[in-house]
Amino acid sequence: MLIRVGLAFALTLSMSSCAQPQVKPWERGVLAEPAMTFGHDALKDSIADHVYFAKEATSGGRSLTGGGGCGCN
């Protein structure tokens, strides 16, 4: 029974692959655009954080300020 489990495990591992898709040279320019990064527009992120703070009465993970639900933060 242990041999069967070991063979099943080995078969499962051999069927899963770690093949990474190759990025074509002409696709690299698109991936290097600033819009492909997190937080590329600081003003838009700041406005979205303010709206979230005002509506949810919570502080976000990006800043250390707290606020209330009144929209006065």
PDB file of N, CA and C in Angstrom:
ATOM      1  N   MET A   1       0.827  -1.195   0.000  1.00  0.00           N
ATOM      2  CA  MET A   1       0.000   0.000   0.000  1.00  0.00           C
ATOM      3  C   MET A   1       0.873   1.262   0.000  1.00  0.00           C
ATOM      4  N   LEU A   2       1.943   1.222   0.767  1.00  0.00           N
ATOM      5  CA  LEU A   2       2.840   2.376   0.847  1.00  0.00           C
ATOM      6  C   LEU A   2       3.518   2.624  -0.496  1.00  0.00           C
ATOM      7  N   ILE A   3       3.822   1.563  -1.207  1.00  0.00           N
ATOM      8  CA  ILE A   3       4.456   1.705  -2.523  1.00  0.00           C
ATOM      9  C   ILE A   3       3.475   2.350  -3.502  1.00  0.00           C
ATOM     10  N   ARG A   4       2.216   1.968  -3.426  1.00  0.00           N
ATOM     11  CA  ARG A   4       1.208   2.554  -4.318  1.00  0.00           C
ATOM     12  C   ARG A   4       1.024   4.038  -4.039  1.00  0.00           C
ATOM     13  N   VAL A   5       0.986   4.404  -2.780  1.00  0.00           N
ATOM     14  CA  VAL A   5       0.850   5.815  -2.421  1.00  0.00           C
ATOM     15  C   VAL A   5       2.068   6.598  -2.906  1.00  0.00           C
ATOM     16  N   GLY A   6       3.253   6.019  -2.730  1.00  0.00           N
ATOM     17  CA  GLY A   6       4.468   6.678  -3.195  1.00  0.00           C
ATOM     18  C   GLY A   6       4.490   6.848  -4.703  1.00  0.00           C
ATOM     19  N   LEU A   7       4.042   5.825  -5.423  1.00  0.00           N
ATOM     20  CA  LEU A   7       3.978   5.933  -6.880  1.00  0.00           C
ATOM     21  C   LEU A   7       2.946   6.964  -7.328  1.00  0.00           C
ATOM     22  N   ALA A   8       1.813   6.985  -6.643  1.00  0.00           N
ATOM     23  CA  ALA A   8       0.794   7.979  -6.986  1.00  0.00           C
ATOM     24  C   ALA A   8       1.305   9.393  -6.730  1.00  0.00           C
ATOM     25  N   PHE A   9       2.020   9.560  -5.642  1.00  0.00           N
ATOM     26  CA  PHE A   9       2.593  10.869  -5.323  1.00  0.00           C
ATOM     27  C   PHE A   9       3.634  11.277  -6.359  1.00  0.00           C
ATOM     28  N   ALA A  10       4.495  10.338  -6.725  1.00  0.00           N
ATOM     29  CA  ALA A  10       5.522  10.629  -7.734  1.00  0.00           C
ATOM     30  C   ALA A  10       4.896  10.945  -9.082  1.00  0.00           C
ATOM     31  N   LEU A  11       3.837  10.235  -9.435  1.00  0.00           N
ATOM     32  CA  LEU A  11       3.144  10.500 -10.691  1.00  0.00           C
ATOM     33  C   LEU A  11       2.503  11.882 -10.680  1.00  0.00           C
ATOM     34  N   THR A  12       1.908  12.234  -9.562  1.00  0.00           N
ATOM     35  CA  THR A  12       1.290  13.556  -9.447  1.00  0.00           C
ATOM     36  C   THR A  12       2.339  14.655  -9.578  1.00  0.00           C
ATOM     37  N   LEU A  13       3.470  14.485  -8.931  1.00  0.00           N
ATOM     38  CA  LEU A  13       4.537  15.486  -9.030  1.00  0.00           C
ATOM     39  C   LEU A  13       5.104  15.584 -10.437  1.00  0.00           C
ATOM     40  N   SER A  14       5.191  14.461 -11.117  1.00  0.00           N
ATOM     41  CA  SER A  14       5.748  14.504 -12.461  1.00  0.00           C
ATOM     42  C   SER A  14       4.787  15.131 -13.465  1.00  0.00           C
ATOM     43  N   MET A  15       3.495  15.075 -13.180  1.00  0.00           N
ATOM     44  CA  MET A  15       2.513  15.668 -14.097  1.00  0.00           C
ATOM     45  C   MET A  15       2.422  17.180 -13.936  1.00  0.00           C
ATOM     46  N   SER A  16       2.733  17.695 -12.766  1.00  0.00           N
ATOM     47  CA  SER A  16       2.715  19.137 -12.572  1.00  0.00           C
ATOM     48  C   SER A  16       4.049  19.702 -13.022  1.00  0.00           C
ATOM     49  N   SER A  17       3.990  20.764 -13.742  1.00  0.00           N
ATOM     50  CA  SER A  17       5.234  21.332 -14.248  1.00  0.00           C
ATOM     51  C   SER A  17       5.397  22.762 -13.770  1.00  0.00           C
ATOM     52  N   CYS A  18       6.598  23.191 -13.778  1.00  0.00           N
ATOM     53  CA  CYS A  18       6.928  24.561 -13.391  1.00  0.00           C
ATOM     54  C   CYS A  18       7.343  25.362 -14.615  1.00  0.00           C
ATOM     55  N   ALA A  19       6.780  25.043 -15.734  1.00  0.00           N
ATOM     56  CA  ALA A  19       7.158  25.738 -16.963  1.00  0.00           C
ATOM     57  C   ALA A  19       6.663  27.177 -16.894  1.00  0.00           C
ATOM     58  N   GLN A  20       7.565  28.101 -17.094  1.00  0.00           N
ATOM     59  CA  GLN A  20       7.203  29.511 -17.087  1.00  0.00           C
ATOM     60  C   GLN A  20       7.008  29.966 -18.521  1.00  0.00           C
ATOM     61  N   PRO A  21       5.957  30.729 -18.750  1.00  0.00           N
ATOM     62  CA  PRO A  21       5.750  31.212 -20.116  1.00  0.00           C
ATOM     63  C   PRO A  21       6.861  32.186 -20.507  1.00  0.00           C
ATOM     64  N   GLN A  22       7.297  32.059 -21.707  1.00  0.00           N
ATOM     65  CA  GLN A  22       8.359  32.937 -22.198  1.00  0.00           C
ATOM     66  C   GLN A  22       7.749  34.233 -22.714  1.00  0.00           C
ATOM     67  N   VAL A  23       8.292  35.350 -22.274  1.00  0.00           N
ATOM     68  CA  VAL A  23       7.840  36.654 -22.722  1.00  0.00           C
ATOM     69  C   VAL A  23       8.566  36.976 -24.019  1.00  0.00           C
ATOM     70  N   LYS A  24       7.798  37.291 -25.009  1.00  0.00           N
ATOM     71  CA  LYS A  24       8.375  37.638 -26.311  1.00  0.00           C
ATOM     72  C   LYS A  24       9.033  39.016 -26.226  1.00  0.00           C
ATOM     73  N   PRO A  25      10.069  39.268 -27.019  1.00  0.00           N
ATOM     74  CA  PRO A  25      10.749  40.569 -26.962  1.00  0.00           C
ATOM     75  C   PRO A  25       9.815  41.751 -27.218  1.00  0.00           C
ATOM     76  N   TRP A  26       8.833  41.597 -28.078  1.00  0.00           N
ATOM     77  CA  TRP A  26       7.935  42.713 -28.379  1.00  0.00           C
ATOM     78  C   TRP A  26       6.886  42.910 -27.291  1.00  0.00           C
ATOM     79  N   GLU A  27       6.767  41.971 -26.344  1.00  0.00           N
ATOM     80  CA  GLU A  27       5.829  42.117 -25.237  1.00  0.00           C
ATOM     81  C   GLU A  27       6.465  42.778 -24.017  1.00  0.00           C
ATOM     82  N   ARG A  28       7.751  42.864 -23.992  1.00  0.00           N
ATOM     83  CA  ARG A  28       8.441  43.411 -22.823  1.00  0.00           C
ATOM     84  C   ARG A  28       8.174  44.893 -22.626  1.00  0.00           C
ATOM     85  N   GLY A  29       7.971  45.620 -23.701  1.00  0.00           N
ATOM     86  CA  GLY A  29       7.668  47.040 -23.587  1.00  0.00           C
ATOM     87  C   GLY A  29       6.335  47.286 -22.902  1.00  0.00           C
ATOM     88  N   VAL A  30       5.366  46.447 -23.176  1.00  0.00           N
ATOM     89  CA  VAL A  30       4.048  46.589 -22.545  1.00  0.00           C
ATOM     90  C   VAL A  30       4.150  46.288 -21.055  1.00  0.00           C
ATOM     91  N   LEU A  31       4.912  45.276 -20.690  1.00  0.00           N
ATOM     92  CA  LEU A  31       5.059  44.910 -19.289  1.00  0.00           C
ATOM     93  C   LEU A  31       5.880  45.912 -18.500  1.00  0.00           C
ATOM     94  N   ALA A  32       6.672  46.735 -19.174  1.00  0.00           N
ATOM     95  CA  ALA A  32       7.509  47.709 -18.491  1.00  0.00           C
ATOM     96  C   ALA A  32       6.830  49.068 -18.321  1.00  0.00           C
ATOM     97  N   GLU A  33       5.590  49.211 -18.770  1.00  0.00           N
ATOM     98  CA  GLU A  33       4.883  50.486 -18.637  1.00  0.00           C
ATOM     99  C   GLU A  33       4.587  50.786 -17.173  1.00  0.00           C
ATOM    100  N   PRO A  34       4.581  52.059 -16.796  1.00  0.00           N
ATOM    101  CA  PRO A  34       4.284  52.422 -15.407  1.00  0.00           C
ATOM    102  C   PRO A  34       2.896  51.972 -14.961  1.00  0.00           C
ATOM    103  N   ALA A  35       1.960  51.868 -15.867  1.00  0.00           N
ATOM    104  CA  ALA A  35       0.609  51.458 -15.494  1.00  0.00           C
ATOM    105  C   ALA A  35       0.548  49.998 -15.041  1.00  0.00           C
ATOM    106  N   MET A  36       1.584  49.231 -15.297  1.00  0.00           N
ATOM    107  CA  MET A  36       1.596  47.826 -14.902  1.00  0.00           C
ATOM    108  C   MET A  36       2.109  47.635 -13.472  1.00  0.00           C
ATOM    109  N   THR A  37       2.468  48.714 -12.779  1.00  0.00           N
ATOM    110  CA  THR A  37       2.961  48.617 -11.415  1.00  0.00           C
ATOM    111  C   THR A  37       1.854  48.994 -10.437  1.00  0.00           C
ATOM    112  N   PHE A  38       1.995  48.566  -9.196  1.00  0.00           N
ATOM    113  CA  PHE A  38       1.051  48.948  -8.154  1.00  0.00           C
ATOM    114  C   PHE A  38       1.376  50.363  -7.704  1.00  0.00           C
ATOM    115  N   GLY A  39       0.365  51.187  -7.581  1.00  0.00           N
ATOM    116  CA  GLY A  39       0.566  52.536  -7.083  1.00  0.00           C
ATOM    117  C   GLY A  39       1.261  53.458  -8.052  1.00  0.00           C
ATOM    118  N   HIS A  40       1.007  53.318  -9.333  1.00  0.00           N
ATOM    119  CA  HIS A  40       1.688  54.163 -10.306  1.00  0.00           C
ATOM    120  C   HIS A  40       1.129  55.575 -10.337  1.00  0.00           C
ATOM    121  N   ASP A  41      -0.091  55.769  -9.844  1.00  0.00           N
ATOM    122  CA  ASP A  41      -0.698  57.098  -9.817  1.00  0.00           C
ATOM    123  C   ASP A  41      -0.986  57.468  -8.361  1.00  0.00           C
ATOM    124  N   ALA A  42      -0.096  58.239  -7.765  1.00  0.00           N
ATOM    125  CA  ALA A  42      -0.199  58.563  -6.343  1.00  0.00           C
ATOM    126  C   ALA A  42      -1.444  59.387  -6.036  1.00  0.00           C
ATOM    127  N   LEU A  43      -1.831  60.321  -6.908  1.00  0.00           N
ATOM    128  CA  LEU A  43      -3.003  61.142  -6.655  1.00  0.00           C
ATOM    129  C   LEU A  43      -4.276  60.299  -6.667  1.00  0.00           C
ATOM    130  N   LYS A  44      -4.391  59.408  -7.627  1.00  0.00           N
ATOM    131  CA  LYS A  44      -5.570  58.547  -7.710  1.00  0.00           C
ATOM    132  C   LYS A  44      -5.649  57.616  -6.497  1.00  0.00           C
ATOM    133  N   ASP A  45      -4.515  57.107  -6.056  1.00  0.00           N
ATOM    134  CA  ASP A  45      -4.496  56.244  -4.870  1.00  0.00           C
ATOM    135  C   ASP A  45      -4.875  57.020  -3.619  1.00  0.00           C
ATOM    136  N   SER A  46      -4.414  58.258  -3.513  1.00  0.00           N
ATOM    137  CA  SER A  46      -4.739  59.089  -2.357  1.00  0.00           C
ATOM    138  C   SER A  46      -6.230  59.395  -2.299  1.00  0.00           C
ATOM    139  N   ILE A  47      -6.826  59.697  -3.433  1.00  0.00           N
ATOM    140  CA  ILE A  47      -8.265  59.981  -3.479  1.00  0.00           C
ATOM    141  C   ILE A  47      -9.063  58.728  -3.136  1.00  0.00           C
ATOM    142  N   ALA A  48      -8.659  57.591  -3.684  1.00  0.00           N
ATOM    143  CA  ALA A  48      -9.355  56.342  -3.391  1.00  0.00           C
ATOM    144  C   ALA A  48      -9.237  55.997  -1.905  1.00  0.00           C
ATOM    145  N   ASP A  49      -8.073  56.243  -1.296  1.00  0.00           N
ATOM    146  CA  ASP A  49      -7.911  55.994   0.134  1.00  0.00           C
ATOM    147  C   ASP A  49      -8.809  56.893   0.957  1.00  0.00           C
ATOM    148  N   HIS A  50      -8.897  58.167   0.577  1.00  0.00           N
ATOM    149  CA  HIS A  50      -9.740  59.098   1.319  1.00  0.00           C
ATOM    150  C   HIS A  50     -11.206  58.678   1.252  1.00  0.00           C
ATOM    151  N   VAL A  51     -11.672  58.309   0.084  1.00  0.00           N
ATOM    152  CA  VAL A  51     -13.063  57.872  -0.057  1.00  0.00           C
ATOM    153  C   VAL A  51     -13.303  56.609   0.761  1.00  0.00           C
ATOM    154  N   TYR A  52     -12.368  55.688   0.736  1.00  0.00           N
ATOM    155  CA  TYR A  52     -12.513  54.454   1.499  1.00  0.00           C
ATOM    156  C   TYR A  52     -12.555  54.749   2.988  1.00  0.00           C
ATOM    157  N   PHE A  53     -11.664  55.636   3.460  1.00  0.00           N
ATOM    158  CA  PHE A  53     -11.647  55.983   4.879  1.00  0.00           C
ATOM    159  C   PHE A  53     -12.962  56.624   5.284  1.00  0.00           C
ATOM    160  N   ALA A  54     -13.472  57.536   4.461  1.00  0.00           N
ATOM    161  CA  ALA A  54     -14.682  58.267   4.813  1.00  0.00           C
ATOM    162  C   ALA A  54     -15.904  57.349   4.825  1.00  0.00           C
ATOM    163  N   LYS A  55     -15.974  56.399   3.937  1.00  0.00           N
ATOM    164  CA  LYS A  55     -17.146  55.528   3.863  1.00  0.00           C
ATOM    165  C   LYS A  55     -17.080  54.365   4.843  1.00  0.00           C
ATOM    166  N   GLU A  56     -15.909  53.815   5.065  1.00  0.00           N
ATOM    167  CA  GLU A  56     -15.788  52.606   5.874  1.00  0.00           C
ATOM    168  C   GLU A  56     -15.395  52.879   7.322  1.00  0.00           C
ATOM    169  N   ALA A  57     -14.983  54.077   7.637  1.00  0.00           N
ATOM    170  CA  ALA A  57     -14.546  54.455   8.984  1.00  0.00           C
ATOM    171  C   ALA A  57     -13.394  53.569   9.453  1.00  0.00           C
ATOM    172  N   THR A  58     -12.489  53.253   8.557  1.00  0.00           N
ATOM    173  CA  THR A  58     -11.325  52.447   8.909  1.00  0.00           C
ATOM    174  C   THR A  58     -10.082  53.109   8.347  1.00  0.00           C
ATOM    175  N   SER A  59      -8.958  52.692   8.850  1.00  0.00           N
ATOM    176  CA  SER A  59      -7.716  53.176   8.273  1.00  0.00           C
ATOM    177  C   SER A  59      -7.170  52.097   7.362  1.00  0.00           C
ATOM    178  N   GLY A  60      -6.566  52.516   6.277  1.00  0.00           N
ATOM    179  CA  GLY A  60      -6.070  51.570   5.289  1.00  0.00           C
ATOM    180  C   GLY A  60      -4.700  51.040   5.643  1.00  0.00           C
ATOM    181  N   GLY A  61      -4.204  50.134   4.845  1.00  0.00           N
ATOM    182  CA  GLY A  61      -2.919  49.528   5.103  1.00  0.00           C
ATOM    183  C   GLY A  61      -1.756  50.338   4.575  1.00  0.00           C
ATOM    184  N   ARG A  62      -2.035  51.399   3.836  1.00  0.00           N
ATOM    185  CA  ARG A  62      -0.948  52.156   3.215  1.00  0.00           C
ATOM    186  C   ARG A  62      -0.465  53.317   4.062  1.00  0.00           C
ATOM    187  N   SER A  63      -1.305  53.810   4.960  1.00  0.00           N
ATOM    188  CA  SER A  63      -0.889  54.970   5.741  1.00  0.00           C
ATOM    189  C   SER A  63      -1.142  54.715   7.221  1.00  0.00           C
ATOM    190  N   LEU A  64      -0.630  55.587   8.050  1.00  0.00           N
ATOM    191  CA  LEU A  64      -0.761  55.409   9.488  1.00  0.00           C
ATOM    192  C   LEU A  64      -1.857  56.279  10.079  1.00  0.00           C
ATOM    193  N   THR A  65      -2.590  57.009   9.260  1.00  0.00           N
ATOM    194  CA  THR A  65      -3.612  57.893   9.798  1.00  0.00           C
ATOM    195  C   THR A  65      -4.908  57.144   9.998  1.00  0.00           C
ATOM    196  N   GLY A  66      -5.620  57.519  11.010  1.00  0.00           N
ATOM    197  CA  GLY A  66      -6.937  56.960  11.271  1.00  0.00           C
ATOM    198  C   GLY A  66      -7.986  57.999  10.943  1.00  0.00           C
ATOM    199  N   GLY A  67      -9.192  57.589  10.952  1.00  0.00           N
ATOM    200  CA  GLY A  67     -10.235  58.549  10.650  1.00  0.00           C
ATOM    201  C   GLY A  67     -11.593  58.024  11.069  1.00  0.00           C
ATOM    202  N   GLY A  68     -12.528  58.929  11.057  1.00  0.00           N
ATOM    203  CA  GLY A  68     -13.890  58.549  11.397  1.00  0.00           C
ATOM    204  C   GLY A  68     -14.713  58.383  10.157  1.00  0.00           C
ATOM    205  N   GLY A  69     -15.967  58.057  10.329  1.00  0.00           N
ATOM    206  CA  GLY A  69     -16.859  57.843   9.205  1.00  0.00           C
ATOM    207  C   GLY A  69     -17.531  59.107   8.735  1.00  0.00           C
ATOM    208  N   CYS A  70     -17.153  60.263   9.296  1.00  0.00           N
ATOM    209  CA  CYS A  70     -17.833  61.511   8.940  1.00  0.00           C
ATOM    210  C   CYS A  70     -17.265  62.152   7.680  1.00  0.00           C
ATOM    211  N   GLY A  71     -16.165  61.682   7.175  1.00  0.00           N
ATOM    212  CA  GLY A  71     -15.565  62.259   5.987  1.00  0.00           C
ATOM    213  C   GLY A  71     -14.689  63.455   6.297  1.00  0.00           C
ATOM    214  N   CYS A  72     -14.364  63.681   7.557  1.00  0.00           N
ATOM    215  CA  CYS A  72     -13.575  64.853   7.935  1.00  0.00           C
ATOM    216  C   CYS A  72     -12.106  64.540   8.114  1.00  0.00           C
ATOM    217  N   ASN A  73     -11.648  63.403   7.651  1.00  0.00           N
ATOM    218  CA  ASN A  73     -10.233  63.093   7.858  1.00  0.00           C
ATOM    219  C   ASN A  73      -9.479  63.626   6.701  1.00  0.00           C
TER     220      ASN A  73
END
